[in-house]
Amino acid sequence: MKKLDAHQTGMALGVLLGLFHGFWSALVFLGLAKPLLDFVYSIHFLSNPFAVANFSFSNAVILVIFTTAAGYVFGGIFAWIWNWLHGRK
């Protein structure tokens, strides 16, 4: 079983989460976040209990940076656990 590189795995997950939250920020900016949430909740037979706040550029930047960093850390932890579990005989 191939070992995972903690840095590469962290970068992959960090970029993925950063892009996802950047996309979410764009939806908020464009006014499309609430209709999307309403749709997702409705197809699960739920009502949306959340209100979408007004767009804030500084909050969007913080969100993307924080989730990218968190993804990097959790990706590295995942790689370490993967390698530990697959290195045992």
Protein backbone atom coordinates (compact mmCIF):
# COMPACT_ATOMS: atom_id res chain seq x y z
CA MET A 1 0.00 0.00 0.00
CA LYS A 2 1.38 3.37 -1.01
CA LYS A 3 2.23 5.81 1.75
CA LEU A 4 0.72 9.29 1.62
CA ASP A 5 2.87 12.39 1.75
CA ALA A 6 1.49 14.52 4.60
CA HIS A 7 2.34 17.81 2.88
CA GLN A 8 0.77 16.85 -0.46
CA THR A 9 -2.33 15.40 1.19
CA GLY A 10 -2.66 18.49 3.36
CA MET A 11 -2.27 20.77 0.34
CA ALA A 12 -4.89 18.81 -1.63
CA LEU A 13 -7.46 18.93 1.16
CA GLY A 14 -6.62 22.54 2.01
CA VAL A 15 -7.05 23.71 -1.57
CA LEU A 16 -10.28 21.71 -1.93
CA LEU A 17 -11.80 23.25 1.21
CA GLY A 18 -10.53 26.71 0.29
CA LEU A 19 -12.10 26.50 -3.17
CA PHE A 20 -15.36 25.19 -1.74
CA HIS A 21 -15.60 28.09 0.72
CA GLY A 22 -14.51 30.57 -1.94
CA PHE A 23 -17.40 29.30 -4.06
CA TRP A 24 -19.75 29.67 -1.08
CA SER A 25 -18.53 33.25 -0.57
CA ALA A 26 -19.23 33.98 -4.25
CA LEU A 27 -22.76 32.60 -3.87
CA VAL A 28 -23.33 34.91 -0.88
CA PHE A 29 -21.95 37.87 -2.85
CA LEU A 30 -24.22 37.10 -5.83
CA GLY A 31 -27.30 36.62 -3.63
CA LEU A 32 -27.63 32.95 -4.59
CA ALA A 33 -26.77 31.36 -1.24
CA LYS A 34 -30.24 31.57 0.34
CA PRO A 35 -32.08 30.07 -2.66
CA LEU A 36 -29.51 27.25 -2.75
CA LEU A 37 -29.92 26.55 0.97
CA ASP A 38 -33.71 26.65 0.63
CA PHE A 39 -33.52 24.15 -2.25
CA VAL A 40 -31.15 21.78 -0.46
CA TYR A 41 -33.29 21.78 2.68
CA SER A 42 -36.51 21.31 0.70
CA ILE A 43 -35.25 18.21 -1.14
CA HIS A 44 -34.47 16.75 2.29
CA PHE A 45 -38.03 17.53 3.46
CA LEU A 46 -36.78 20.21 5.86
CA SER A 47 -37.35 23.92 6.29
CA ASN A 48 -34.32 26.21 6.29
CA PRO A 49 -33.68 27.52 9.83
CA PHE A 50 -30.78 29.75 8.72
CA ALA A 51 -30.57 33.34 7.54
CA VAL A 52 -27.72 34.30 5.21
CA ALA A 53 -25.93 37.44 6.42
CA ASN A 54 -24.84 40.26 4.15
CA PHE A 55 -21.62 39.69 2.24
CA SER A 56 -18.44 40.94 3.89
CA PHE A 57 -15.20 40.81 1.92
CA SER A 58 -13.08 40.58 5.08
CA ASN A 59 -15.19 37.69 6.40
CA ALA A 60 -14.90 35.92 3.05
CA VAL A 61 -11.10 36.23 3.09
CA ILE A 62 -10.92 34.99 6.70
CA LEU A 63 -13.25 32.08 5.86
CA VAL A 64 -11.15 30.96 2.87
CA ILE A 65 -7.82 31.33 4.72
CA PHE A 66 -9.08 29.54 7.83
CA THR A 67 -10.65 26.62 5.96
CA THR A 68 -7.60 26.24 3.71
CA ALA A 69 -5.33 26.09 6.77
CA ALA A 70 -7.67 23.71 8.59
CA GLY A 71 -7.83 21.48 5.51
CA TYR A 72 -4.03 21.42 5.35
CA VAL A 73 -3.78 20.38 9.01
CA PHE A 74 -6.50 17.74 8.77
CA GLY A 75 -5.08 16.41 5.50
CA GLY A 76 -1.69 16.01 7.16
CA ILE A 77 -3.28 14.25 10.13
CA PHE A 78 -5.20 11.98 7.76
CA ALA A 79 -1.98 11.07 5.92
CA TRP A 80 -0.20 10.34 9.20
CA ILE A 81 -3.06 8.07 10.38
CA TRP A 82 -3.22 6.37 6.95
CA ASN A 83 0.51 5.68 6.96
CA TRP A 84 0.41 4.46 10.56
CA LEU A 85 -2.48 2.08 9.88
CA HIS A 86 -0.98 0.74 6.66
CA GLY A 87 2.53 0.44 8.06
CA ARG A 88 1.48 -2.03 10.72
CA LYS A 89 1.83 -5.75 9.99
